[in-house]
C-alpha atoms as a PDB file:
ATOM      1  CA  MET A   1      40.565   6.559  -1.178  1.00  0.00           C
ATOM      2  CA  ASN A   2      37.122   7.180  -0.042  1.00  0.00           C
ATOM      3  CA  ASN A   3      33.650   6.752  -1.664  1.00  0.00           C
ATOM      4  CA  PHE A   4      33.124  10.262  -2.386  1.00  0.00           C
ATOM      5  CA  ASP A   5      37.029  10.667  -4.154  1.00  0.00           C
ATOM      6  CA  LYS A   6      36.586   7.044  -6.301  1.00  0.00           C
ATOM      7  CA  LYS A   7      32.646   8.095  -7.106  1.00  0.00           C
ATOM      8  CA  LEU A   8      34.123  11.037  -8.566  1.00  0.00           C
ATOM      9  CA  ILE A   9      37.161  10.353 -10.118  1.00  0.00           C
ATOM     10  CA  ASN A  10      34.856   7.549 -12.140  1.00  0.00           C
ATOM     11  CA  LEU A  11      32.543  10.278 -12.898  1.00  0.00           C
ATOM     12  CA  MET A  12      35.206  12.317 -14.794  1.00  0.00           C
ATOM     13  CA  ALA A  13      37.055   9.421 -16.224  1.00  0.00           C
ATOM     14  CA  ALA A  14      33.565   8.957 -17.850  1.00  0.00           C
ATOM     15  CA  VAL A  15      33.002  12.351 -18.772  1.00  0.00           C
ATOM     16  CA  PHE A  16      36.719  13.056 -20.616  1.00  0.00           C
ATOM     17  CA  LYS A  17      37.021   9.166 -21.889  1.00  0.00           C
ATOM     18  CA  VAL A  18      40.193   8.778 -19.705  1.00  0.00           C
ATOM     19  CA  GLN A  19      41.261   6.100 -17.808  1.00  0.00           C
ATOM     20  CA  PRO A  20      40.333   6.966 -14.024  1.00  0.00           C
ATOM     21  CA  SER A  21      44.033   6.092 -13.162  1.00  0.00           C
ATOM     22  CA  LYS A  22      44.763   9.724 -15.010  1.00  0.00           C
ATOM     23  CA  ILE A  23      41.991  11.378 -12.736  1.00  0.00           C
ATOM     24  CA  ASP A  24      44.107  12.764  -9.729  1.00  0.00           C
ATOM     25  CA  LYS A  25      43.274  15.228  -6.786  1.00  0.00           C
ATOM     26  CA  ARG A  26      45.578  18.065  -8.597  1.00  0.00           C
ATOM     27  CA  ILE A  27      43.935  17.669 -11.648  1.00  0.00           C
ATOM     28  CA  THR A  28      43.053  20.496 -13.461  1.00  0.00           C
ATOM     29  CA  ASN A  29      40.785  21.349 -17.027  1.00  0.00           C
ATOM     30  CA  ARG A  30      44.490  21.972 -18.667  1.00  0.00           C
ATOM     31  CA  ASP A  31      45.802  18.482 -17.650  1.00  0.00           C
ATOM     32  CA  ILE A  32      43.015  16.821 -19.940  1.00  0.00           C
ATOM     33  CA  GLU A  33      43.347  16.990 -23.433  1.00  0.00           C
ATOM     34  CA  ASN A  34      39.460  16.579 -23.524  1.00  0.00           C
ATOM     35  CA  TRP A  35      38.128  19.226 -21.059  1.00  0.00           C
ATOM     36  CA  ASP A  36      36.626  21.453 -23.195  1.00  0.00           C
ATOM     37  CA  SER A  37      33.329  23.687 -22.799  1.00  0.00           C
ATOM     38  CA  LEU A  38      31.026  20.986 -23.653  1.00  0.00           C
ATOM     39  CA  ARG A  39      32.430  18.424 -21.797  1.00  0.00           C
ATOM     40  CA  GLN A  40      32.229  20.949 -18.994  1.00  0.00           C
ATOM     41  CA  ILE A  41      28.930  21.175 -19.321  1.00  0.00           C
ATOM     42  CA  ASN A  42      28.693  17.366 -19.280  1.00  0.00           C
ATOM     43  CA  LEU A  43      30.305  17.354 -16.036  1.00  0.00           C
ATOM     44  CA  VAL A  44      28.296  19.511 -14.567  1.00  0.00           C
ATOM     45  CA  SER A  45      24.953  17.537 -15.708  1.00  0.00           C
ATOM     46  CA  ALA A  46      26.748  14.175 -14.634  1.00  0.00           C
ATOM     47  CA  ILE A  47      27.250  15.348 -10.930  1.00  0.00           C
ATOM     48  CA  GLU A  48      23.774  17.122 -10.537  1.00  0.00           C
ATOM     49  CA  VAL A  49      22.341  13.193 -11.710  1.00  0.00           C
ATOM     50  CA  GLU A  50      25.043  11.568  -9.514  1.00  0.00           C
ATOM     51  CA  PHE A  51      24.956  13.651  -6.195  1.00  0.00           C
ATOM     52  CA  LYS A  52      21.209  14.599  -6.630  1.00  0.00           C
ATOM     53  CA  ILE A  53      22.856  18.340  -6.307  1.00  0.00           C
ATOM     54  CA  GLU A  54      21.751  21.940  -8.525  1.00  0.00           C
ATOM     55  CA  ILE A  55      24.944  23.548  -9.427  1.00  0.00           C
ATOM     56  CA  SER A  56      24.657  27.348  -9.882  1.00  0.00           C
ATOM     57  CA  ILE A  57      26.279  28.778 -13.416  1.00  0.00           C
ATOM     58  CA  GLU A  58      28.863  30.752 -11.406  1.00  0.00           C
ATOM     59  CA  GLU A  59      29.589  27.389  -9.695  1.00  0.00           C
ATOM     60  CA  ALA A  60      29.869  25.894 -13.112  1.00  0.00           C
ATOM     61  CA  ALA A  61      32.111  28.336 -14.174  1.00  0.00           C
ATOM     62  CA  GLU A  62      34.900  27.953 -11.268  1.00  0.00           C
ATOM     63  CA  MET A  63      34.502  23.851 -11.563  1.00  0.00           C
ATOM     64  CA  LEU A  64      38.169  23.662 -13.479  1.00  0.00           C
ATOM     65  CA  SER A  65      39.810  21.636 -11.632  1.00  0.00           C
ATOM     66  CA  TYR A  66      39.288  18.618  -9.332  1.00  0.00           C
ATOM     67  CA  ASN A  67      40.338  20.416  -5.816  1.00  0.00           C
ATOM     68  CA  ILE A  68      37.276  23.123  -6.825  1.00  0.00           C
ATOM     69  CA  ILE A  69      34.714  20.411  -7.870  1.00  0.00           C
ATOM     70  CA  SER A  70      34.919  18.168  -4.696  1.00  0.00           C
ATOM     71  CA  LYS A  71      34.964  21.340  -2.825  1.00  0.00           C
ATOM     72  CA  ILE A  72      31.689  22.719  -4.053  1.00  0.00           C
ATOM     73  CA  ILE A  73      30.105  19.111  -4.105  1.00  0.00           C
ATOM     74  CA  ILE A  74      30.801  18.889  -0.339  1.00  0.00           C
ATOM     75  CA  ASN A  75      29.865  22.324  -0.158  1.00  0.00           C
ATOM     76  CA  TRP A  76      26.176  21.582  -1.319  1.00  0.00           C
ATOM     77  CA  ILE A  77      26.020  18.019   0.498  1.00  0.00           C
ATOM     78  CA  SER A  78      26.497  19.293   3.726  1.00  0.00           C
END
């Protein structure tokens, strides 16, 4: 696992208040009970701060899985 994955997993675990071991690259909003609309907003805000990016409303609405989230972040930082 690279630094990017570790950082994103730890960030998601903190926002959703779960152990990092519960987060993997296949996880979606259906897999985490605490993944509600408020935590979705908190996740987007935390990602913007951590990765120094600005996520659009459209991108934020799409961020419903680790896979999609990582692709959006990588697109911004690449």
